[in-house]
Amino acid sequence: MKYKINDQIPDCEVFQLIDGNPKKFQINDFFKDNKSILLGMPGAFTSVCSNKHLPSYKNNIDKIRSKGVDKVFCISVNDPYVMNAWAKISKVENEIIMLADPFGDFANKLGVLVNKDAKGLGMRSNRYTMIIENKLIKYVAVEKETGICELSAADNVLSKL
């Protein structure tokens, strides 16, 4: 991770599916004037992402909001259609905002882009969670391996809010 506590989150174009159409956004705009959590995940529908990381936040959304968090975002190196489908299947579409980093540009700027060719996934994001307040990184937890979800899980991050 190239960024540290109190650095401003890097700006980059990301995508979100809105009314069935991909729409571009500047990621920095999502973090202006609020307290948010950003979940960085290797891939939609992958085992640890779908079975542990994302559900840990879905299952704790009320506790997270009670700690003053306005929004929870999930970003992955996937296209916006895949991220939207994952939100629906995971039943998080009203609780967690899914963002697509289809070219890995945001992951690359953060310094968390990893090569997962050996698993047939190509370039992906490492697993991490950030607490961001008004565009400033206030906490970051990056896992050593994409297949681990301990530091970045909701139980750990809740204690940092």
N, C-alpha and C. Protein backbone atom coordinates (compact mmCIF):
# COMPACT_ATOMS: atom_id res chain seq x y z
N MET A 1 0.85 -1.18 0.00
CA MET A 1 0.00 0.00 0.00
C MET A 1 0.89 1.24 0.00
N LYS A 2 0.67 2.09 -0.97
CA LYS A 2 1.45 3.31 -1.10
C LYS A 2 0.96 4.42 -0.17
N TYR A 3 -0.28 4.32 0.29
CA TYR A 3 -0.90 5.38 1.07
C TYR A 3 -0.91 5.01 2.54
N LYS A 4 -0.89 6.05 3.37
CA LYS A 4 -0.86 5.82 4.82
C LYS A 4 -1.90 6.70 5.51
N ILE A 5 -1.99 6.56 6.81
CA ILE A 5 -2.95 7.32 7.61
C ILE A 5 -2.77 8.82 7.36
N ASN A 6 -3.90 9.49 7.21
CA ASN A 6 -4.02 10.93 6.95
C ASN A 6 -3.65 11.36 5.54
N ASP A 7 -3.31 10.41 4.66
CA ASP A 7 -3.18 10.74 3.24
C ASP A 7 -4.57 10.85 2.64
N GLN A 8 -4.68 11.69 1.61
CA GLN A 8 -5.95 11.77 0.89
C GLN A 8 -6.05 10.56 -0.04
N ILE A 9 -7.23 10.00 -0.10
CA ILE A 9 -7.49 8.86 -0.98
C ILE A 9 -7.20 9.31 -2.41
N PRO A 10 -6.51 8.50 -3.22
CA PRO A 10 -6.22 8.93 -4.59
C PRO A 10 -7.50 9.03 -5.41
N ASP A 11 -7.50 9.91 -6.37
CA ASP A 11 -8.68 10.04 -7.23
C ASP A 11 -8.48 9.18 -8.47
N CYS A 12 -9.59 8.68 -8.97
CA CYS A 12 -9.54 7.76 -10.11
C CYS A 12 -10.97 7.56 -10.60
N GLU A 13 -11.12 7.24 -11.87
CA GLU A 13 -12.44 6.89 -12.39
C GLU A 13 -12.81 5.48 -11.98
N VAL A 14 -14.03 5.34 -11.50
CA VAL A 14 -14.61 4.03 -11.19
C VAL A 14 -15.99 4.01 -11.83
N PHE A 15 -16.60 2.84 -11.82
CA PHE A 15 -17.90 2.69 -12.46
C PHE A 15 -18.91 2.09 -11.49
N GLN A 16 -20.16 2.43 -11.75
CA GLN A 16 -21.27 1.87 -11.02
C GLN A 16 -22.41 1.67 -12.01
N LEU A 17 -23.16 0.61 -11.85
CA LEU A 17 -24.30 0.37 -12.73
C LEU A 17 -25.49 1.14 -12.17
N ILE A 18 -26.00 2.08 -12.96
CA ILE A 18 -27.14 2.91 -12.56
C ILE A 18 -28.25 2.71 -13.60
N ASP A 19 -29.39 2.25 -13.15
CA ASP A 19 -30.53 2.00 -14.05
C ASP A 19 -30.12 1.15 -15.25
N GLY A 20 -29.29 0.16 -15.01
CA GLY A 20 -28.89 -0.78 -16.06
C GLY A 20 -27.78 -0.32 -16.97
N ASN A 21 -27.23 0.86 -16.69
CA ASN A 21 -26.16 1.40 -17.54
C ASN A 21 -24.93 1.75 -16.71
N PRO A 22 -23.73 1.44 -17.24
CA PRO A 22 -22.50 1.81 -16.53
C PRO A 22 -22.34 3.33 -16.52
N LYS A 23 -22.01 3.86 -15.36
CA LYS A 23 -21.78 5.30 -15.23
C LYS A 23 -20.43 5.51 -14.56
N LYS A 24 -19.65 6.47 -15.09
CA LYS A 24 -18.34 6.82 -14.53
C LYS A 24 -18.50 7.81 -13.39
N PHE A 25 -17.65 7.62 -12.38
CA PHE A 25 -17.59 8.54 -11.25
C PHE A 25 -16.13 8.75 -10.89
N GLN A 26 -15.83 9.87 -10.25
CA GLN A 26 -14.54 10.07 -9.63
C GLN A 26 -14.67 9.53 -8.21
N ILE A 27 -13.82 8.59 -7.85
CA ILE A 27 -13.97 7.93 -6.55
C ILE A 27 -13.89 8.91 -5.39
N ASN A 28 -13.09 9.94 -5.52
CA ASN A 28 -12.97 10.93 -4.45
C ASN A 28 -14.30 11.57 -4.09
N ASP A 29 -15.19 11.72 -5.07
CA ASP A 29 -16.48 12.35 -4.81
C ASP A 29 -17.33 11.55 -3.81
N PHE A 30 -17.14 10.25 -3.77
CA PHE A 30 -17.91 9.41 -2.83
C PHE A 30 -17.51 9.65 -1.37
N PHE A 31 -16.32 10.17 -1.14
CA PHE A 31 -15.80 10.28 0.22
C PHE A 31 -15.77 11.71 0.74
N LYS A 32 -16.39 12.63 0.03
CA LYS A 32 -16.42 14.03 0.43
C LYS A 32 -17.48 14.22 1.52
N ASP A 33 -17.08 14.87 2.60
CA ASP A 33 -18.00 15.26 3.68
C ASP A 33 -18.74 14.08 4.32
N ASN A 34 -18.07 12.96 4.49
CA ASN A 34 -18.69 11.84 5.20
C ASN A 34 -17.63 10.92 5.79
N LYS A 35 -18.09 9.99 6.59
CA LYS A 35 -17.25 8.94 7.15
C LYS A 35 -17.69 7.64 6.49
N SER A 36 -16.75 6.99 5.83
CA SER A 36 -17.07 5.80 5.05
C SER A 36 -16.08 4.68 5.32
N ILE A 37 -16.51 3.50 4.94
CA ILE A 37 -15.63 2.34 4.92
C ILE A 37 -15.52 1.89 3.47
N LEU A 38 -14.30 1.59 3.05
CA LEU A 38 -14.05 1.07 1.71
C LEU A 38 -13.47 -0.33 1.83
N LEU A 39 -14.16 -1.29 1.25
CA LEU A 39 -13.72 -2.68 1.22
C LEU A 39 -13.08 -2.95 -0.13
N GLY A 40 -11.81 -3.29 -0.15
CA GLY A 40 -11.14 -3.66 -1.39
C GLY A 40 -11.07 -5.17 -1.46
N MET A 41 -11.59 -5.71 -2.56
CA MET A 41 -11.65 -7.17 -2.68
C MET A 41 -11.08 -7.65 -4.01
N PRO A 42 -10.47 -8.84 -3.99
CA PRO A 42 -9.89 -9.40 -5.22
C PRO A 42 -10.91 -9.66 -6.32
N GLY A 43 -12.10 -10.16 -5.97
CA GLY A 43 -13.03 -10.46 -7.04
C GLY A 43 -14.42 -10.82 -6.58
N ALA A 44 -15.40 -10.31 -7.31
CA ALA A 44 -16.79 -10.68 -7.07
C ALA A 44 -16.95 -12.18 -7.24
N PHE A 45 -17.75 -12.75 -6.41
CA PHE A 45 -18.10 -14.17 -6.44
C PHE A 45 -16.96 -15.11 -6.05
N THR A 46 -15.80 -14.58 -5.70
CA THR A 46 -14.72 -15.46 -5.25
C THR A 46 -15.02 -15.91 -3.82
N SER A 47 -14.43 -17.02 -3.42
CA SER A 47 -14.85 -17.68 -2.19
C SER A 47 -14.71 -16.83 -0.92
N VAL A 48 -13.55 -16.29 -0.64
CA VAL A 48 -13.36 -15.53 0.60
C VAL A 48 -14.13 -14.21 0.55
N CYS A 49 -14.18 -13.59 -0.61
CA CYS A 49 -14.92 -12.34 -0.76
C CYS A 49 -16.41 -12.55 -0.50
N SER A 50 -16.96 -13.60 -1.10
CA SER A 50 -18.40 -13.87 -1.01
C SER A 50 -18.83 -14.54 0.29
N ASN A 51 -17.95 -15.33 0.87
CA ASN A 51 -18.33 -16.10 2.05
C ASN A 51 -17.89 -15.48 3.38
N LYS A 52 -16.93 -14.53 3.32
CA LYS A 52 -16.45 -13.96 4.58
C LYS A 52 -16.42 -12.43 4.57
N HIS A 53 -15.64 -11.83 3.67
CA HIS A 53 -15.40 -10.38 3.73
C HIS A 53 -16.70 -9.58 3.58
N LEU A 54 -17.39 -9.74 2.46
CA LEU A 54 -18.62 -8.98 2.22
C LEU A 54 -19.70 -9.30 3.27
N PRO A 55 -19.95 -10.58 3.58
CA PRO A 55 -20.97 -10.87 4.60
C PRO A 55 -20.63 -10.32 5.99
N SER A 56 -19.34 -10.22 6.32
CA SER A 56 -18.99 -9.70 7.64
C SER A 56 -19.48 -8.26 7.80
N TYR A 57 -19.51 -7.50 6.71
CA TYR A 57 -20.01 -6.12 6.75
C TYR A 57 -21.52 -6.08 6.65
N LYS A 58 -22.09 -6.91 5.81
CA LYS A 58 -23.56 -6.97 5.71
C LYS A 58 -24.16 -7.34 7.06
N ASN A 59 -23.60 -8.32 7.73
CA ASN A 59 -24.13 -8.79 9.00
C ASN A 59 -23.90 -7.82 10.16
N ASN A 60 -23.02 -6.85 9.97
CA ASN A 60 -22.71 -5.88 11.02
C ASN A 60 -23.07 -4.45 10.64
N ILE A 61 -23.90 -4.28 9.61
CA ILE A 61 -24.17 -2.94 9.08
C ILE A 61 -24.79 -2.02 10.14
N ASP A 62 -25.65 -2.55 11.00
CA ASP A 62 -26.25 -1.70 12.04
C ASP A 62 -25.21 -1.23 13.06
N LYS A 63 -24.32 -2.12 13.46
CA LYS A 63 -23.24 -1.75 14.38
C LYS A 63 -22.33 -0.70 13.74
N ILE A 64 -22.03 -0.90 12.46
CA ILE A 64 -21.16 0.02 11.73
C ILE A 64 -21.80 1.41 11.68
N ARG A 65 -23.07 1.47 11.33
CA ARG A 65 -23.76 2.76 11.26
C ARG A 65 -23.86 3.42 12.63
N SER A 66 -24.00 2.60 13.68
CA SER A 66 -24.09 3.16 15.04
C SER A 66 -22.78 3.82 15.47
N LYS A 67 -21.69 3.51 14.77
CA LYS A 67 -20.38 4.10 15.07
C LYS A 67 -20.13 5.35 14.23
N GLY A 68 -21.17 5.84 13.53
CA GLY A 68 -21.05 7.08 12.78
C GLY A 68 -20.63 6.93 11.33
N VAL A 69 -20.63 5.72 10.81
CA VAL A 69 -20.27 5.51 9.41
C VAL A 69 -21.49 5.82 8.54
N ASP A 70 -21.30 6.72 7.57
CA ASP A 70 -22.38 7.12 6.68
C ASP A 70 -22.60 6.13 5.54
N LYS A 71 -21.49 5.61 4.98
CA LYS A 71 -21.60 4.74 3.81
C LYS A 71 -20.53 3.66 3.85
N VAL A 72 -20.88 2.51 3.28
CA VAL A 72 -19.93 1.42 3.10
C VAL A 72 -19.86 1.13 1.61
N PHE A 73 -18.63 1.11 1.09
CA PHE A 73 -18.39 0.84 -0.32
C PHE A 73 -17.58 -0.44 -0.46
N CYS A 74 -17.80 -1.15 -1.55
CA CYS A 74 -17.00 -2.31 -1.91
C CYS A 74 -16.48 -2.08 -3.32
N ILE A 75 -15.18 -2.25 -3.51
CA ILE A 75 -14.58 -2.07 -4.83
C ILE A 75 -13.77 -3.31 -5.20
N SER A 76 -13.85 -3.67 -6.45
CA SER A 76 -13.13 -4.83 -6.94
C SER A 76 -12.75 -4.61 -8.40
N VAL A 77 -11.72 -5.32 -8.85
CA VAL A 77 -11.30 -5.26 -10.24
C VAL A 77 -12.24 -6.18 -11.04
N ASN A 78 -13.43 -5.67 -11.25
CA ASN A 78 -14.48 -6.33 -12.02
C ASN A 78 -15.24 -5.25 -12.77
N ASP A 79 -16.09 -5.65 -13.72
CA ASP A 79 -16.90 -4.66 -14.43
C ASP A 79 -18.16 -4.32 -13.63
N PRO A 80 -18.82 -3.21 -13.96
CA PRO A 80 -19.98 -2.78 -13.16
C PRO A 80 -21.16 -3.75 -13.22
N TYR A 81 -21.31 -4.49 -14.31
CA TYR A 81 -22.40 -5.47 -14.39
C TYR A 81 -22.18 -6.60 -13.38
N VAL A 82 -20.94 -7.06 -13.29
CA VAL A 82 -20.61 -8.14 -12.34
C VAL A 82 -20.81 -7.65 -10.91
N MET A 83 -20.36 -6.44 -10.61
CA MET A 83 -20.51 -5.90 -9.26
C MET A 83 -21.99 -5.74 -8.90
N ASN A 84 -22.80 -5.33 -9.85
CA ASN A 84 -24.23 -5.20 -9.61
C ASN A 84 -24.88 -6.56 -9.36
N ALA A 85 -24.53 -7.54 -10.16
CA ALA A 85 -25.07 -8.90 -9.97
C ALA A 85 -24.65 -9.46 -8.62
N TRP A 86 -23.41 -9.21 -8.23
CA TRP A 86 -22.91 -9.69 -6.94
C TRP A 86 -23.68 -9.03 -5.79
N ALA A 87 -23.97 -7.74 -5.93
CA ALA A 87 -24.75 -7.04 -4.89
C ALA A 87 -26.12 -7.68 -4.74
N LYS A 88 -26.76 -7.99 -5.86
CA LYS A 88 -28.10 -8.58 -5.81
C LYS A 88 -28.07 -9.97 -5.19
N ILE A 89 -27.17 -10.81 -5.62
CA ILE A 89 -27.09 -12.17 -5.10
C ILE A 89 -26.70 -12.18 -3.63
N SER A 90 -25.85 -11.23 -3.24
CA SER A 90 -25.41 -11.13 -1.84
C SER A 90 -26.40 -10.36 -0.96
N LYS A 91 -27.41 -9.80 -1.61
CA LYS A 91 -28.45 -9.02 -0.92
C LYS A 91 -27.87 -7.85 -0.12
N VAL A 92 -26.95 -7.11 -0.75
CA VAL A 92 -26.35 -5.94 -0.10
C VAL A 92 -26.67 -4.63 -0.83
N GLU A 93 -27.50 -4.69 -1.87
CA GLU A 93 -27.68 -3.51 -2.72
C GLU A 93 -28.22 -2.28 -1.99
N ASN A 94 -28.91 -2.44 -0.87
CA ASN A 94 -29.39 -1.27 -0.12
C ASN A 94 -28.48 -0.91 1.05
N GLU A 95 -27.40 -1.68 1.24
CA GLU A 95 -26.53 -1.47 2.40
C GLU A 95 -25.09 -1.14 2.04
N ILE A 96 -24.59 -1.73 0.96
CA ILE A 96 -23.20 -1.54 0.55
C ILE A 96 -23.19 -1.11 -0.91
N ILE A 97 -22.48 -0.04 -1.19
CA ILE A 97 -22.41 0.50 -2.55
C ILE A 97 -21.27 -0.19 -3.28
N MET A 98 -21.60 -0.83 -4.38
CA MET A 98 -20.62 -1.61 -5.14
C MET A 98 -20.02 -0.75 -6.25
N LEU A 99 -18.69 -0.68 -6.27
CA LEU A 99 -17.96 0.09 -7.27
C LEU A 99 -17.07 -0.85 -8.08
N ALA A 100 -16.97 -0.56 -9.36
CA ALA A 100 -16.14 -1.36 -10.25
C ALA A 100 -14.88 -0.59 -10.62
N ASP A 101 -13.77 -1.28 -10.54
CA ASP A 101 -12.45 -0.79 -10.95
C ASP A 101 -11.99 -1.72 -12.08
N PRO A 102 -12.67 -1.67 -13.24
CA PRO A 102 -12.49 -2.70 -14.26
C PRO A 102 -11.08 -2.83 -14.83
N PHE A 103 -10.31 -1.78 -14.79
CA PHE A 103 -8.96 -1.82 -15.35
C PHE A 103 -7.88 -1.90 -14.27
N GLY A 104 -8.31 -1.92 -13.01
CA GLY A 104 -7.36 -1.97 -11.90
C GLY A 104 -6.64 -0.66 -11.65
N ASP A 105 -7.15 0.43 -12.20
CA ASP A 105 -6.47 1.73 -12.05
C ASP A 105 -6.41 2.20 -10.60
N PHE A 106 -7.53 2.06 -9.88
CA PHE A 106 -7.55 2.49 -8.49
C PHE A 106 -6.64 1.60 -7.65
N ALA A 107 -6.74 0.29 -7.84
CA ALA A 107 -5.88 -0.64 -7.10
C ALA A 107 -4.41 -0.34 -7.37
N ASN A 108 -4.09 -0.02 -8.62
CA ASN A 108 -2.71 0.30 -8.98
C ASN A 108 -2.24 1.58 -8.28
N LYS A 109 -3.09 2.61 -8.26
CA LYS A 109 -2.72 3.86 -7.59
C LYS A 109 -2.48 3.64 -6.10
N LEU A 110 -3.31 2.78 -5.48
CA LEU A 110 -3.13 2.48 -4.05
C LEU A 110 -1.89 1.64 -3.79
N GLY A 111 -1.44 0.91 -4.81
CA GLY A 111 -0.30 0.01 -4.63
C GLY A 111 -0.72 -1.37 -4.14
N VAL A 112 -1.95 -1.76 -4.44
CA VAL A 112 -2.45 -3.07 -4.00
C VAL A 112 -2.79 -4.00 -5.16
N LEU A 113 -2.39 -3.65 -6.37
CA LEU A 113 -2.65 -4.50 -7.53
C LEU A 113 -1.73 -5.71 -7.47
N VAL A 114 -2.32 -6.90 -7.56
CA VAL A 114 -1.56 -8.15 -7.47
C VAL A 114 -1.88 -9.04 -8.67
N ASN A 115 -0.90 -9.83 -9.06
CA ASN A 115 -1.05 -10.73 -10.19
C ASN A 115 -1.59 -12.07 -9.70
N LYS A 116 -2.75 -12.44 -10.19
CA LYS A 116 -3.39 -13.71 -9.84
C LYS A 116 -3.57 -14.60 -11.07
N ASP A 117 -2.62 -14.48 -12.02
CA ASP A 117 -2.66 -15.30 -13.23
C ASP A 117 -2.68 -16.79 -12.92
N ALA A 118 -1.95 -17.20 -11.89
CA ALA A 118 -1.87 -18.63 -11.55
C ALA A 118 -3.23 -19.20 -11.17
N LYS A 119 -4.15 -18.34 -10.74
CA LYS A 119 -5.50 -18.81 -10.39
C LYS A 119 -6.51 -18.49 -11.48
N GLY A 120 -6.02 -17.98 -12.61
CA GLY A 120 -6.90 -17.65 -13.73
C GLY A 120 -7.66 -16.36 -13.56
N LEU A 121 -7.20 -15.49 -12.68
CA LEU A 121 -7.92 -14.25 -12.38
C LEU A 121 -7.29 -13.00 -12.98
N GLY A 122 -6.05 -13.08 -13.44
CA GLY A 122 -5.37 -11.90 -13.96
C GLY A 122 -4.98 -10.95 -12.84
N MET A 123 -4.92 -9.67 -13.18
CA MET A 123 -4.55 -8.65 -12.20
C MET A 123 -5.77 -8.33 -11.34
N ARG A 124 -5.56 -8.32 -10.02
CA ARG A 124 -6.64 -8.08 -9.07
C ARG A 124 -6.15 -7.18 -7.95
N SER A 125 -7.05 -6.79 -7.10
CA SER A 125 -6.71 -6.01 -5.91
C SER A 125 -6.40 -6.96 -4.78
N ASN A 126 -5.46 -6.57 -3.94
CA ASN A 126 -5.28 -7.29 -2.69
C ASN A 126 -6.50 -6.97 -1.81
N ARG A 127 -6.69 -7.73 -0.76
CA ARG A 127 -7.81 -7.52 0.16
C ARG A 127 -7.42 -6.47 1.21
N TYR A 128 -8.28 -5.48 1.39
CA TYR A 128 -8.03 -4.44 2.39
C TYR A 128 -9.35 -3.83 2.83
N THR A 129 -9.31 -3.09 3.92
CA THR A 129 -10.42 -2.27 4.36
C THR A 129 -9.84 -0.95 4.85
N MET A 130 -10.52 0.14 4.48
CA MET A 130 -10.13 1.49 4.92
C MET A 130 -11.29 2.19 5.60
N ILE A 131 -10.95 2.99 6.58
CA ILE A 131 -11.90 3.97 7.12
C ILE A 131 -11.46 5.30 6.54
N ILE A 132 -12.38 6.01 5.92
CA ILE A 132 -12.08 7.26 5.24
C ILE A 132 -13.01 8.34 5.77
N GLU A 133 -12.43 9.46 6.21
CA GLU A 133 -13.22 10.60 6.68
C GLU A 133 -12.87 11.82 5.83
N ASN A 134 -13.87 12.34 5.14
CA ASN A 134 -13.70 13.51 4.28
C ASN A 134 -12.46 13.37 3.39
N LYS A 135 -12.38 12.27 2.71
CA LYS A 135 -11.32 11.93 1.74
C LYS A 135 -9.99 11.54 2.36
N LEU A 136 -9.87 11.57 3.68
CA LEU A 136 -8.61 11.23 4.34
C LEU A 136 -8.67 9.81 4.90
N ILE A 137 -7.61 9.06 4.68
CA ILE A 137 -7.52 7.70 5.19
C ILE A 137 -7.24 7.78 6.69
N LYS A 138 -8.14 7.22 7.49
CA LYS A 138 -8.00 7.25 8.95
C LYS A 138 -7.56 5.90 9.50
N TYR A 139 -7.78 4.85 8.75
CA TYR A 139 -7.37 3.50 9.16
C TYR A 139 -7.29 2.65 7.90
N VAL A 140 -6.30 1.77 7.87
CA VAL A 140 -6.20 0.84 6.74
C VAL A 140 -5.68 -0.50 7.25
N ALA A 141 -6.28 -1.55 6.78
CA ALA A 141 -5.86 -2.92 7.09
C ALA A 141 -5.72 -3.67 5.77
N VAL A 142 -4.51 -4.09 5.47
CA VAL A 142 -4.23 -4.82 4.23
C VAL A 142 -3.81 -6.24 4.61
N GLU A 143 -4.45 -7.21 4.00
CA GLU A 143 -4.09 -8.61 4.26
C GLU A 143 -2.79 -8.97 3.54
N LYS A 144 -2.05 -9.92 4.10
CA LYS A 144 -0.81 -10.38 3.46
C LYS A 144 -1.09 -11.19 2.21
N GLU A 145 -2.22 -11.87 2.19
CA GLU A 145 -2.64 -12.71 1.05
C GLU A 145 -4.10 -12.44 0.74
N THR A 146 -4.47 -12.55 -0.53
CA THR A 146 -5.86 -12.30 -0.91
C THR A 146 -6.82 -13.33 -0.33
N GLY A 147 -6.34 -14.52 -0.01
CA GLY A 147 -7.19 -15.58 0.52
C GLY A 147 -7.43 -15.48 2.02
N ILE A 148 -6.92 -14.43 2.66
CA ILE A 148 -7.09 -14.23 4.10
C ILE A 148 -8.03 -13.05 4.33
N CYS A 149 -8.91 -13.20 5.31
CA CYS A 149 -9.78 -12.08 5.69
C CYS A 149 -9.85 -12.06 7.21
N GLU A 150 -8.86 -11.43 7.81
CA GLU A 150 -8.81 -11.30 9.26
C GLU A 150 -8.73 -9.82 9.64
N LEU A 151 -7.63 -9.16 9.28
CA LEU A 151 -7.46 -7.74 9.58
C LEU A 151 -8.56 -6.89 8.95
N SER A 152 -8.99 -7.29 7.76
CA SER A 152 -9.95 -6.51 6.99
C SER A 152 -11.41 -6.84 7.29
N ALA A 153 -11.66 -7.85 8.12
CA ALA A 153 -13.03 -8.26 8.45
C ALA A 153 -13.70 -7.23 9.36
N ALA A 154 -15.01 -7.22 9.33
CA ALA A 154 -15.78 -6.24 10.09
C ALA A 154 -15.50 -6.30 11.58
N ASP A 155 -15.36 -7.48 12.15
CA ASP A 155 -15.11 -7.59 13.59
C ASP A 155 -13.87 -6.81 14.01
N ASN A 156 -12.82 -6.86 13.22
CA ASN A 156 -11.61 -6.11 13.54
C ASN A 156 -11.80 -4.62 13.31
N VAL A 157 -12.40 -4.26 12.19
CA VAL A 157 -12.53 -2.85 11.84
C VAL A 157 -13.51 -2.12 12.78
N LEU A 158 -14.52 -2.82 13.25
CA LEU A 158 -15.46 -2.20 14.21
C LEU A 158 -14.73 -1.64 15.42
N SER A 159 -13.71 -2.34 15.86
CA SER A 159 -12.95 -1.88 17.03
C SER A 159 -12.13 -0.62 16.73
N LYS A 160 -11.97 -0.28 15.48
CA LYS A 160 -11.18 0.90 15.09
C LYS A 160 -12.04 2.13 14.85
N LEU A 161 -13.35 1.94 14.85
CA LEU A 161 -14.26 3.08 14.56
C LEU A 161 -14.46 3.96 15.79
